[in-house]
Amino acid sequence: MIAYRAMVDVPRELVRYLGRLLAAERRAKGTRRGTRALTCFYQALLVLVWFRKAEDVTLLGAGFGISRATAYRYRDEGIAVLAAQAQDLHAALRRVADDGWSHVILDGKLFDCDRLTETTLSVKGETIDAWYSGKHRDFGANIQAIIRPDGLPIWTSAAMPGHLHDTSCARELGVTATLPGRRRGFHPPSPTDPDVSLSA
């Protein structure tokens, strides 16, 4: 392979932020200094390059001087620490209400994935591929998002099998129960409302 110089358009502050999260995770795991192939800063950079450019992980790892397996592990660690920062559904709705928004938008999207062997029963009782979307005629994961009126996502769900429609996903995740129609504007759920399960 031939190495070459490249640039990525992400702020240095974002790399430092993710680097601090990774450093905290390493401390929590008791990782000793000098035992990792990359510093937290460069691991964060690797993760953000992958997010921004969707580059092949093997080639991306080679660019950072690490193996394919290490590149995948470092990428997954970065995703995990970022995901841990996400608000749960109730907190996100309370925050958007506190910010003065009168309503939110619920929408879903199918994200492409490789074919999986998991099967399920259709509404007609037939065995089907759980992650195949008949609507899109492709394999994928259905992810629901709650979005502010200005377009900023405030919450996203875990990945749901692609054969499920948006309404089914929202119902199964408890989103529709959390967003009831109210006569006098939007009100977030109270602490006594049932918890919303976001488990995969």
N, C-alpha and C. Protein backbone atom coordinates (compact mmCIF):
# COMPACT_ATOMS: atom_id res chain seq x y z
N MET A 1 0.84 -1.20 0.00
CA MET A 1 0.00 0.00 0.00
C MET A 1 0.87 1.24 0.00
N ILE A 2 0.33 2.31 -0.59
CA ILE A 2 1.04 3.57 -0.66
C ILE A 2 0.35 4.59 0.25
N ALA A 3 1.11 5.23 1.13
CA ALA A 3 0.56 6.24 2.03
C ALA A 3 0.52 7.60 1.34
N TYR A 4 -0.44 8.43 1.75
CA TYR A 4 -0.52 9.79 1.22
C TYR A 4 -1.12 10.69 2.29
N ARG A 5 -0.87 11.99 2.17
CA ARG A 5 -1.39 12.96 3.14
C ARG A 5 -2.84 13.29 2.78
N ALA A 6 -3.65 13.52 3.81
CA ALA A 6 -5.06 13.86 3.59
C ALA A 6 -5.52 14.82 4.68
N MET A 7 -6.66 15.47 4.42
CA MET A 7 -7.25 16.41 5.38
C MET A 7 -8.67 15.97 5.67
N VAL A 8 -9.16 16.32 6.86
CA VAL A 8 -10.56 16.06 7.19
C VAL A 8 -11.14 17.33 7.82
N ASP A 9 -12.35 17.67 7.41
CA ASP A 9 -12.94 18.94 7.84
C ASP A 9 -13.78 18.77 9.12
N VAL A 10 -13.08 18.46 10.22
CA VAL A 10 -13.73 18.45 11.53
C VAL A 10 -12.95 19.38 12.45
N PRO A 11 -13.62 20.09 13.36
CA PRO A 11 -12.92 21.01 14.25
C PRO A 11 -11.98 20.28 15.20
N ARG A 12 -10.84 20.88 15.47
CA ARG A 12 -9.89 20.30 16.42
C ARG A 12 -10.53 20.15 17.81
N GLU A 13 -11.44 21.09 18.15
CA GLU A 13 -12.11 21.01 19.44
C GLU A 13 -12.93 19.73 19.57
N LEU A 14 -13.52 19.28 18.46
CA LEU A 14 -14.29 18.04 18.48
C LEU A 14 -13.39 16.84 18.70
N VAL A 15 -12.21 16.86 18.07
CA VAL A 15 -11.25 15.77 18.27
C VAL A 15 -10.82 15.74 19.74
N ARG A 16 -10.55 16.91 20.30
CA ARG A 16 -10.13 16.97 21.71
C ARG A 16 -11.25 16.49 22.64
N TYR A 17 -12.49 16.86 22.32
CA TYR A 17 -13.63 16.44 23.15
C TYR A 17 -13.73 14.92 23.18
N LEU A 18 -13.70 14.30 21.99
CA LEU A 18 -13.78 12.84 21.94
C LEU A 18 -12.54 12.22 22.58
N GLY A 19 -11.38 12.85 22.42
CA GLY A 19 -10.16 12.36 23.06
C GLY A 19 -10.29 12.33 24.57
N ARG A 20 -10.94 13.35 25.15
CA ARG A 20 -11.15 13.40 26.61
C ARG A 20 -12.09 12.27 27.05
N LEU A 21 -13.13 12.02 26.25
CA LEU A 21 -14.04 10.92 26.59
C LEU A 21 -13.31 9.58 26.56
N LEU A 22 -12.46 9.40 25.55
CA LEU A 22 -11.70 8.16 25.44
C LEU A 22 -10.70 8.02 26.59
N ALA A 23 -10.08 9.14 26.98
CA ALA A 23 -9.14 9.11 28.10
C ALA A 23 -9.85 8.70 29.39
N ALA A 24 -11.06 9.24 29.60
CA ALA A 24 -11.83 8.88 30.79
C ALA A 24 -12.20 7.40 30.77
N GLU A 25 -12.52 6.90 29.58
CA GLU A 25 -12.87 5.48 29.45
C GLU A 25 -11.66 4.60 29.74
N ARG A 26 -10.49 5.01 29.27
CA ARG A 26 -9.28 4.23 29.54
C ARG A 26 -8.97 4.22 31.04
N ARG A 27 -9.14 5.38 31.68
CA ARG A 27 -8.91 5.42 33.14
C ARG A 27 -9.88 4.51 33.88
N ALA A 28 -11.14 4.53 33.44
CA ALA A 28 -12.16 3.69 34.09
C ALA A 28 -11.84 2.21 33.94
N LYS A 29 -11.22 1.85 32.82
CA LYS A 29 -10.86 0.44 32.57
C LYS A 29 -9.51 0.08 33.18
N GLY A 30 -8.78 1.08 33.68
CA GLY A 30 -7.47 0.81 34.27
C GLY A 30 -6.39 0.57 33.24
N THR A 31 -6.56 1.13 32.03
CA THR A 31 -5.54 0.97 30.98
C THR A 31 -4.27 1.71 31.37
N ARG A 32 -3.15 1.02 31.32
CA ARG A 32 -1.88 1.64 31.69
C ARG A 32 -1.38 2.54 30.56
N ARG A 33 -0.69 3.61 30.94
CA ARG A 33 -0.12 4.54 29.96
C ARG A 33 0.90 3.83 29.08
N GLY A 34 0.92 4.19 27.81
CA GLY A 34 1.91 3.66 26.89
C GLY A 34 1.63 2.26 26.39
N THR A 35 0.43 1.71 26.72
CA THR A 35 0.13 0.34 26.27
C THR A 35 -0.77 0.32 25.04
N ARG A 36 -1.20 1.47 24.58
CA ARG A 36 -2.07 1.55 23.41
C ARG A 36 -1.27 1.99 22.19
N ALA A 37 -1.70 1.52 21.02
CA ALA A 37 -1.01 1.85 19.77
C ALA A 37 -1.19 3.32 19.39
N LEU A 38 -2.32 3.91 19.78
CA LEU A 38 -2.58 5.33 19.48
C LEU A 38 -2.90 6.07 20.76
N THR A 39 -2.55 7.35 20.80
CA THR A 39 -2.98 8.20 21.90
C THR A 39 -4.48 8.43 21.77
N CYS A 40 -5.09 8.97 22.81
CA CYS A 40 -6.52 9.25 22.78
C CYS A 40 -6.85 10.24 21.66
N PHE A 41 -5.99 11.22 21.45
CA PHE A 41 -6.23 12.22 20.39
C PHE A 41 -6.28 11.54 19.03
N TYR A 42 -5.32 10.69 18.74
CA TYR A 42 -5.28 10.06 17.42
C TYR A 42 -6.35 8.97 17.26
N GLN A 43 -6.73 8.33 18.36
CA GLN A 43 -7.85 7.40 18.28
C GLN A 43 -9.13 8.18 17.96
N ALA A 44 -9.30 9.33 18.62
CA ALA A 44 -10.46 10.18 18.33
C ALA A 44 -10.44 10.64 16.88
N LEU A 45 -9.28 11.00 16.38
CA LEU A 45 -9.17 11.43 14.99
C LEU A 45 -9.55 10.30 14.04
N LEU A 46 -9.09 9.09 14.33
CA LEU A 46 -9.44 7.94 13.51
C LEU A 46 -10.96 7.75 13.46
N VAL A 47 -11.60 7.84 14.62
CA VAL A 47 -13.05 7.65 14.69
C VAL A 47 -13.77 8.72 13.88
N LEU A 48 -13.37 9.96 14.03
CA LEU A 48 -14.04 11.05 13.34
C LEU A 48 -13.79 11.03 11.83
N VAL A 49 -12.61 10.58 11.43
CA VAL A 49 -12.35 10.40 9.99
C VAL A 49 -13.30 9.34 9.43
N TRP A 50 -13.47 8.26 10.19
CA TRP A 50 -14.38 7.21 9.73
C TRP A 50 -15.81 7.74 9.61
N PHE A 51 -16.26 8.50 10.61
CA PHE A 51 -17.60 9.08 10.55
C PHE A 51 -17.74 10.02 9.35
N ARG A 52 -16.73 10.85 9.15
CA ARG A 52 -16.83 11.91 8.13
C ARG A 52 -16.67 11.37 6.71
N LYS A 53 -15.78 10.39 6.54
CA LYS A 53 -15.45 9.95 5.18
C LYS A 53 -15.90 8.53 4.85
N ALA A 54 -16.37 7.79 5.87
CA ALA A 54 -16.81 6.40 5.67
C ALA A 54 -15.75 5.57 4.96
N GLU A 55 -14.51 5.79 5.36
CA GLU A 55 -13.39 5.12 4.71
C GLU A 55 -13.30 3.66 5.14
N ASP A 56 -12.80 2.81 4.27
CA ASP A 56 -12.57 1.40 4.59
C ASP A 56 -11.71 1.32 5.84
N VAL A 57 -12.16 0.55 6.83
CA VAL A 57 -11.49 0.52 8.13
C VAL A 57 -10.08 -0.06 8.02
N THR A 58 -9.88 -1.03 7.14
CA THR A 58 -8.54 -1.61 6.98
C THR A 58 -7.57 -0.56 6.46
N LEU A 59 -8.00 0.19 5.44
CA LEU A 59 -7.14 1.25 4.89
C LEU A 59 -6.96 2.39 5.88
N LEU A 60 -8.03 2.71 6.60
CA LEU A 60 -7.94 3.77 7.59
C LEU A 60 -6.95 3.40 8.68
N GLY A 61 -7.02 2.15 9.15
CA GLY A 61 -6.08 1.70 10.17
C GLY A 61 -4.65 1.73 9.67
N ALA A 62 -4.44 1.32 8.41
CA ALA A 62 -3.09 1.35 7.84
C ALA A 62 -2.54 2.76 7.81
N GLY A 63 -3.41 3.74 7.54
CA GLY A 63 -2.98 5.14 7.53
C GLY A 63 -2.52 5.62 8.90
N PHE A 64 -3.07 5.00 9.95
CA PHE A 64 -2.67 5.35 11.32
C PHE A 64 -1.62 4.39 11.87
N GLY A 65 -1.18 3.44 11.04
CA GLY A 65 -0.13 2.51 11.45
C GLY A 65 -0.60 1.42 12.39
N ILE A 66 -1.87 1.05 12.31
CA ILE A 66 -2.39 0.00 13.18
C ILE A 66 -3.04 -1.09 12.32
N SER A 67 -3.27 -2.24 12.93
CA SER A 67 -3.83 -3.38 12.20
C SER A 67 -5.33 -3.19 11.99
N ARG A 68 -5.88 -4.04 11.14
CA ARG A 68 -7.31 -4.02 10.85
C ARG A 68 -8.12 -4.27 12.12
N ALA A 69 -7.72 -5.28 12.89
CA ALA A 69 -8.45 -5.62 14.12
C ALA A 69 -8.42 -4.47 15.12
N THR A 70 -7.26 -3.84 15.28
CA THR A 70 -7.13 -2.72 16.21
C THR A 70 -7.95 -1.53 15.73
N ALA A 71 -7.97 -1.28 14.43
CA ALA A 71 -8.75 -0.18 13.88
C ALA A 71 -10.23 -0.37 14.18
N TYR A 72 -10.73 -1.58 13.98
CA TYR A 72 -12.13 -1.85 14.28
C TYR A 72 -12.42 -1.67 15.77
N ARG A 73 -11.51 -2.17 16.61
CA ARG A 73 -11.72 -2.04 18.05
C ARG A 73 -11.70 -0.58 18.49
N TYR A 74 -10.74 0.19 17.96
CA TYR A 74 -10.67 1.61 18.32
C TYR A 74 -11.90 2.38 17.83
N ARG A 75 -12.36 2.05 16.62
CA ARG A 75 -13.56 2.71 16.09
C ARG A 75 -14.76 2.41 16.97
N ASP A 76 -14.92 1.13 17.32
CA ASP A 76 -16.08 0.74 18.13
C ASP A 76 -16.03 1.36 19.52
N GLU A 77 -14.84 1.49 20.09
CA GLU A 77 -14.70 2.16 21.39
C GLU A 77 -15.16 3.62 21.29
N GLY A 78 -14.77 4.28 20.20
CA GLY A 78 -15.16 5.67 20.00
C GLY A 78 -16.66 5.83 19.87
N ILE A 79 -17.28 4.93 19.11
CA ILE A 79 -18.73 4.98 18.95
C ILE A 79 -19.42 4.77 20.29
N ALA A 80 -18.90 3.83 21.08
CA ALA A 80 -19.51 3.51 22.37
C ALA A 80 -19.47 4.69 23.33
N VAL A 81 -18.32 5.40 23.41
CA VAL A 81 -18.24 6.51 24.36
C VAL A 81 -19.10 7.68 23.90
N LEU A 82 -19.25 7.85 22.59
CA LEU A 82 -20.14 8.90 22.09
C LEU A 82 -21.60 8.55 22.36
N ALA A 83 -21.96 7.30 22.13
CA ALA A 83 -23.34 6.86 22.36
C ALA A 83 -23.73 7.01 23.82
N ALA A 84 -22.76 6.83 24.71
CA ALA A 84 -23.04 6.93 26.15
C ALA A 84 -23.41 8.36 26.56
N GLN A 85 -23.08 9.34 25.72
CA GLN A 85 -23.39 10.74 26.03
C GLN A 85 -24.83 11.11 25.66
N ALA A 86 -25.49 10.25 24.89
CA ALA A 86 -26.83 10.57 24.40
C ALA A 86 -27.84 10.62 25.54
N GLN A 87 -28.78 11.55 25.44
CA GLN A 87 -29.87 11.64 26.40
C GLN A 87 -30.88 10.53 26.14
N ASP A 88 -31.56 10.08 27.20
CA ASP A 88 -32.65 9.16 26.96
C ASP A 88 -33.85 9.95 26.45
N LEU A 89 -34.88 9.24 26.04
CA LEU A 89 -36.02 9.87 25.40
C LEU A 89 -36.70 10.91 26.29
N HIS A 90 -36.94 10.56 27.55
CA HIS A 90 -37.63 11.48 28.45
C HIS A 90 -36.82 12.75 28.69
N ALA A 91 -35.51 12.61 28.90
CA ALA A 91 -34.66 13.78 29.12
C ALA A 91 -34.63 14.67 27.89
N ALA A 92 -34.57 14.07 26.72
CA ALA A 92 -34.54 14.85 25.48
C ALA A 92 -35.82 15.65 25.30
N LEU A 93 -36.96 15.03 25.61
CA LEU A 93 -38.23 15.74 25.47
C LEU A 93 -38.39 16.85 26.49
N ARG A 94 -37.92 16.60 27.70
CA ARG A 94 -37.99 17.66 28.71
C ARG A 94 -37.12 18.85 28.30
N ARG A 95 -35.94 18.55 27.76
CA ARG A 95 -35.05 19.63 27.37
C ARG A 95 -35.63 20.46 26.23
N VAL A 96 -36.22 19.79 25.23
CA VAL A 96 -36.77 20.53 24.10
C VAL A 96 -37.97 21.37 24.54
N ALA A 97 -38.73 20.88 25.51
CA ALA A 97 -39.85 21.66 26.05
C ALA A 97 -39.33 22.86 26.83
N ASP A 98 -38.27 22.64 27.64
CA ASP A 98 -37.67 23.74 28.40
C ASP A 98 -37.10 24.81 27.48
N ASP A 99 -36.65 24.39 26.29
CA ASP A 99 -36.09 25.35 25.33
C ASP A 99 -37.17 26.13 24.60
N GLY A 100 -38.44 25.78 24.84
CA GLY A 100 -39.54 26.57 24.29
C GLY A 100 -40.13 26.08 22.98
N TRP A 101 -39.74 24.90 22.52
CA TRP A 101 -40.31 24.39 21.26
C TRP A 101 -41.71 23.85 21.52
N SER A 102 -42.63 24.17 20.62
CA SER A 102 -44.03 23.77 20.80
C SER A 102 -44.31 22.35 20.34
N HIS A 103 -43.44 21.82 19.47
CA HIS A 103 -43.66 20.47 18.95
C HIS A 103 -42.34 19.89 18.47
N VAL A 104 -42.35 18.59 18.23
CA VAL A 104 -41.19 17.90 17.68
C VAL A 104 -41.66 17.05 16.50
N ILE A 105 -40.70 16.56 15.73
CA ILE A 105 -40.99 15.75 14.55
C ILE A 105 -40.45 14.34 14.78
N LEU A 106 -41.27 13.35 14.52
CA LEU A 106 -40.84 11.95 14.61
C LEU A 106 -40.72 11.40 13.21
N ASP A 107 -39.55 10.86 12.88
CA ASP A 107 -39.33 10.31 11.55
C ASP A 107 -38.39 9.11 11.65
N GLY A 108 -38.46 8.25 10.66
CA GLY A 108 -37.59 7.08 10.63
C GLY A 108 -36.84 6.98 9.32
N LYS A 109 -35.74 6.25 9.34
CA LYS A 109 -34.94 6.06 8.13
C LYS A 109 -34.36 4.66 8.13
N LEU A 110 -34.30 4.06 6.94
CA LEU A 110 -33.66 2.75 6.80
C LEU A 110 -32.20 2.95 6.42
N PHE A 111 -31.30 2.40 7.23
CA PHE A 111 -29.87 2.47 6.96
C PHE A 111 -29.41 1.12 6.43
N ASP A 112 -28.71 1.14 5.30
CA ASP A 112 -28.26 -0.10 4.66
C ASP A 112 -27.41 -0.93 5.61
N CYS A 113 -27.57 -2.25 5.51
CA CYS A 113 -26.71 -3.16 6.26
C CYS A 113 -26.52 -4.42 5.42
N ASP A 114 -25.54 -5.23 5.81
CA ASP A 114 -25.34 -6.50 5.13
C ASP A 114 -26.51 -7.44 5.43
N ARG A 115 -26.66 -8.44 4.59
CA ARG A 115 -27.72 -9.42 4.81
C ARG A 115 -27.44 -10.21 6.08
N LEU A 116 -28.48 -10.41 6.89
CA LEU A 116 -28.36 -11.16 8.13
C LEU A 116 -29.23 -12.41 8.05
N THR A 117 -28.88 -13.41 8.85
CA THR A 117 -29.61 -14.67 8.79
C THR A 117 -30.85 -14.69 9.68
N GLU A 118 -31.07 -13.65 10.46
CA GLU A 118 -32.21 -13.63 11.38
C GLU A 118 -33.53 -13.60 10.60
N THR A 119 -34.45 -14.45 11.02
CA THR A 119 -35.77 -14.50 10.37
C THR A 119 -36.85 -14.18 11.39
N THR A 120 -38.04 -13.90 10.87
CA THR A 120 -39.20 -13.62 11.72
C THR A 120 -40.44 -14.00 10.94
N LEU A 121 -41.59 -13.89 11.59
CA LEU A 121 -42.84 -14.18 10.91
C LEU A 121 -43.51 -12.89 10.47
N SER A 122 -44.01 -12.87 9.25
CA SER A 122 -44.72 -11.71 8.74
C SER A 122 -46.14 -11.68 9.32
N VAL A 123 -46.87 -10.62 9.05
CA VAL A 123 -48.25 -10.52 9.53
C VAL A 123 -49.12 -11.62 8.93
N LYS A 124 -48.67 -12.19 7.80
CA LYS A 124 -49.40 -13.28 7.16
C LYS A 124 -48.95 -14.65 7.67
N GLY A 125 -47.99 -14.64 8.61
CA GLY A 125 -47.51 -15.90 9.18
C GLY A 125 -46.43 -16.58 8.37
N GLU A 126 -45.85 -15.86 7.40
CA GLU A 126 -44.79 -16.42 6.57
C GLU A 126 -43.42 -16.09 7.16
N THR A 127 -42.45 -16.98 6.95
CA THR A 127 -41.08 -16.73 7.41
C THR A 127 -40.40 -15.75 6.45
N ILE A 128 -39.88 -14.66 7.01
CA ILE A 128 -39.22 -13.64 6.20
C ILE A 128 -37.90 -13.24 6.83
N ASP A 129 -37.04 -12.57 6.05
CA ASP A 129 -35.80 -12.01 6.59
C ASP A 129 -36.15 -10.81 7.47
N ALA A 130 -35.73 -10.85 8.74
CA ALA A 130 -36.10 -9.80 9.68
C ALA A 130 -35.55 -8.43 9.28
N TRP A 131 -34.39 -8.40 8.64
CA TRP A 131 -33.75 -7.13 8.33
C TRP A 131 -33.95 -6.70 6.87
N TYR A 132 -34.89 -7.35 6.17
CA TYR A 132 -35.19 -6.97 4.78
C TYR A 132 -36.43 -6.09 4.75
N SER A 133 -36.30 -4.93 4.12
CA SER A 133 -37.42 -4.01 3.98
C SER A 133 -38.07 -4.21 2.62
N GLY A 134 -39.32 -4.67 2.62
CA GLY A 134 -40.03 -4.83 1.36
C GLY A 134 -40.29 -3.49 0.69
N LYS A 135 -40.50 -2.45 1.50
CA LYS A 135 -40.75 -1.11 0.95
C LYS A 135 -39.55 -0.60 0.18
N HIS A 136 -38.35 -0.78 0.75
CA HIS A 136 -37.12 -0.28 0.12
C HIS A 136 -36.43 -1.34 -0.75
N ARG A 137 -36.90 -2.58 -0.64
CA ARG A 137 -36.31 -3.70 -1.38
C ARG A 137 -34.81 -3.80 -1.12
N ASP A 138 -34.46 -3.71 0.15
CA ASP A 138 -33.06 -3.76 0.54
C ASP A 138 -32.97 -4.17 2.01
N PHE A 139 -31.79 -4.64 2.41
CA PHE A 139 -31.54 -4.97 3.81
C PHE A 139 -31.12 -3.70 4.55
N GLY A 140 -31.61 -3.56 5.76
CA GLY A 140 -31.25 -2.37 6.51
C GLY A 140 -31.80 -2.38 7.92
N ALA A 141 -31.41 -1.36 8.67
CA ALA A 141 -31.87 -1.17 10.04
C ALA A 141 -32.73 0.08 10.08
N ASN A 142 -33.87 -0.02 10.74
CA ASN A 142 -34.78 1.12 10.87
C ASN A 142 -34.41 1.87 12.14
N ILE A 143 -34.10 3.15 11.99
CA ILE A 143 -33.75 3.98 13.15
C ILE A 143 -34.72 5.15 13.20
N GLN A 144 -35.34 5.33 14.35
CA GLN A 144 -36.28 6.41 14.57
C GLN A 144 -35.56 7.62 15.17
N ALA A 145 -36.02 8.80 14.84
CA ALA A 145 -35.41 10.02 15.37
C ALA A 145 -36.49 11.02 15.75
N ILE A 146 -36.27 11.71 16.83
CA ILE A 146 -37.11 12.84 17.21
C ILE A 146 -36.29 14.10 16.94
N ILE A 147 -36.90 15.03 16.20
CA ILE A 147 -36.19 16.18 15.65
C ILE A 147 -36.89 17.46 16.04
N ARG A 148 -36.13 18.48 16.41
CA ARG A 148 -36.70 19.80 16.66
C ARG A 148 -37.23 20.38 15.36
N PRO A 149 -38.13 21.34 15.43
CA PRO A 149 -38.64 21.96 14.19
C PRO A 149 -37.56 22.60 13.32
N ASP A 150 -36.41 22.96 13.91
CA ASP A 150 -35.33 23.55 13.10
C ASP A 150 -34.44 22.50 12.47
N GLY A 151 -34.77 21.21 12.67
CA GLY A 151 -34.04 20.14 12.01
C GLY A 151 -32.97 19.46 12.85
N LEU A 152 -32.76 19.89 14.08
CA LEU A 152 -31.72 19.29 14.93
C LEU A 152 -32.27 18.04 15.62
N PRO A 153 -31.64 16.86 15.39
CA PRO A 153 -32.08 15.65 16.09
C PRO A 153 -31.78 15.76 17.58
N ILE A 154 -32.74 15.36 18.41
CA ILE A 154 -32.52 15.39 19.86
C ILE A 154 -32.48 13.99 20.46
N TRP A 155 -32.93 13.00 19.68
CA TRP A 155 -32.90 11.62 20.17
C TRP A 155 -32.99 10.67 18.99
N THR A 156 -32.23 9.58 19.05
CA THR A 156 -32.34 8.53 18.05
C THR A 156 -32.47 7.19 18.77
N SER A 157 -33.16 6.29 18.13
CA SER A 157 -33.43 4.98 18.73
C SER A 157 -32.30 4.00 18.46
N ALA A 158 -32.41 2.86 19.10
CA ALA A 158 -31.56 1.73 18.74
C ALA A 158 -32.00 1.21 17.37
N ALA A 159 -31.14 0.43 16.73
CA ALA A 159 -31.47 -0.10 15.40
C ALA A 159 -32.53 -1.18 15.53
N MET A 160 -33.58 -1.05 14.71
CA MET A 160 -34.66 -2.02 14.68
C MET A 160 -34.62 -2.77 13.35
N PRO A 161 -35.10 -4.02 13.32
CA PRO A 161 -35.08 -4.80 12.07
C PRO A 161 -35.80 -4.07 10.93
N GLY A 162 -35.23 -4.15 9.74
CA GLY A 162 -35.71 -3.40 8.60
C GLY A 162 -37.10 -3.76 8.11
N HIS A 163 -37.61 -4.95 8.46
CA HIS A 163 -38.94 -5.32 7.98
C HIS A 163 -40.04 -4.53 8.68
N LEU A 164 -39.71 -3.90 9.82
CA LEU A 164 -40.69 -3.13 10.57
C LEU A 164 -40.92 -1.76 9.94
N HIS A 165 -42.16 -1.33 9.91
CA HIS A 165 -42.49 0.02 9.43
C HIS A 165 -42.20 1.03 10.53
N ASP A 166 -42.13 2.31 10.14
CA ASP A 166 -41.83 3.36 11.11
C ASP A 166 -42.79 3.36 12.29
N THR A 167 -44.08 3.23 11.99
CA THR A 167 -45.08 3.26 13.06
C THR A 167 -44.89 2.09 14.02
N SER A 168 -44.60 0.92 13.48
CA SER A 168 -44.37 -0.26 14.33
C SER A 168 -43.15 -0.06 15.23
N CYS A 169 -42.08 0.50 14.66
CA CYS A 169 -40.87 0.76 15.45
C CYS A 169 -41.16 1.75 16.57
N ALA A 170 -41.83 2.85 16.23
CA ALA A 170 -42.13 3.88 17.23
C ALA A 170 -43.01 3.32 18.34
N ARG A 171 -43.96 2.46 17.97
CA ARG A 171 -44.84 1.86 18.97
C ARG A 171 -44.06 0.89 19.86
N GLU A 172 -43.22 0.06 19.25
CA GLU A 172 -42.45 -0.92 20.01
C GLU A 172 -41.45 -0.26 20.95
N LEU A 173 -40.89 0.88 20.53
CA LEU A 173 -39.94 1.60 21.37
C LEU A 173 -40.63 2.44 22.45
N GLY A 174 -41.94 2.56 22.37
CA GLY A 174 -42.67 3.35 23.34
C GLY A 174 -42.72 4.83 23.01
N VAL A 175 -42.27 5.20 21.81
CA VAL A 175 -42.22 6.62 21.45
C VAL A 175 -43.62 7.19 21.30
N THR A 176 -44.51 6.48 20.64
CA THR A 176 -45.86 7.01 20.42
C THR A 176 -46.60 7.20 21.74
N ALA A 177 -46.34 6.34 22.71
CA ALA A 177 -46.97 6.49 24.02
C ALA A 177 -46.41 7.70 24.78
N THR A 178 -45.17 8.05 24.46
CA THR A 178 -44.52 9.18 25.14
C THR A 178 -44.89 10.50 24.52
N LEU A 179 -45.41 10.47 23.29
CA LEU A 179 -45.77 11.70 22.58
C LEU A 179 -47.27 11.74 22.33
N PRO A 180 -48.08 11.78 23.39
CA PRO A 180 -49.52 11.82 23.19
C PRO A 180 -49.97 13.17 22.66
N GLY A 181 -51.09 13.19 21.97
CA GLY A 181 -51.64 14.47 21.53
C GLY A 181 -52.18 15.22 22.72
N ARG A 182 -51.86 16.49 22.85
CA ARG A 182 -52.34 17.30 23.96
C ARG A 182 -53.06 18.52 23.39
N ARG A 183 -54.12 18.93 24.04
CA ARG A 183 -54.90 20.05 23.54
C ARG A 183 -54.15 21.37 23.62
N ARG A 184 -53.40 21.55 24.68
CA ARG A 184 -52.79 22.86 24.92
C ARG A 184 -51.28 22.79 24.76
N GLY A 185 -50.84 22.35 23.61
CA GLY A 185 -49.41 22.36 23.33
C GLY A 185 -48.71 21.11 23.84
N PHE A 186 -47.39 21.12 23.71
CA PHE A 186 -46.57 19.95 24.06
C PHE A 186 -46.23 19.96 25.55
N HIS A 187 -46.35 18.81 26.17
CA HIS A 187 -45.93 18.64 27.56
C HIS A 187 -45.10 17.37 27.65
N PRO A 188 -43.93 17.44 28.23
CA PRO A 188 -43.12 16.23 28.37
C PRO A 188 -43.75 15.29 29.37
N PRO A 189 -43.39 14.01 29.32
CA PRO A 189 -43.95 13.05 30.27
C PRO A 189 -43.50 13.36 31.68
N SER A 190 -44.34 13.03 32.64
CA SER A 190 -43.97 13.25 34.04
C SER A 190 -43.12 12.09 34.52
N PRO A 191 -42.41 12.26 35.64
CA PRO A 191 -41.56 11.18 36.16
C PRO A 191 -42.34 9.91 36.48
N THR A 192 -43.68 10.03 36.65
CA THR A 192 -44.48 8.85 36.97
C THR A 192 -44.91 8.08 35.72
N ASP A 193 -44.64 8.63 34.52
CA ASP A 193 -44.98 7.93 33.30
C ASP A 193 -44.13 6.67 33.17
N PRO A 194 -44.63 5.65 32.45
CA PRO A 194 -43.84 4.43 32.27
C PRO A 194 -42.52 4.71 31.58
N ASP A 195 -41.48 4.00 31.95
CA ASP A 195 -40.17 4.15 31.31
C ASP A 195 -40.25 3.70 29.88
N VAL A 196 -39.44 4.32 29.01
CA VAL A 196 -39.39 3.93 27.62
C VAL A 196 -38.17 3.04 27.42
N SER A 197 -38.38 1.88 26.88
CA SER A 197 -37.27 0.94 26.65
C SER A 197 -36.59 1.25 25.34
N LEU A 198 -35.26 1.44 25.40
CA LEU A 198 -34.48 1.71 24.19
C LEU A 198 -33.46 0.60 23.96
N SER A 199 -33.68 -0.54 24.57
CA SER A 199 -32.71 -1.61 24.43
C SER A 199 -32.74 -2.20 23.03
N ALA A 200 -31.58 -2.69 22.58
CA ALA A 200 -31.48 -3.24 21.23
C ALA A 200 -32.17 -4.58 21.15
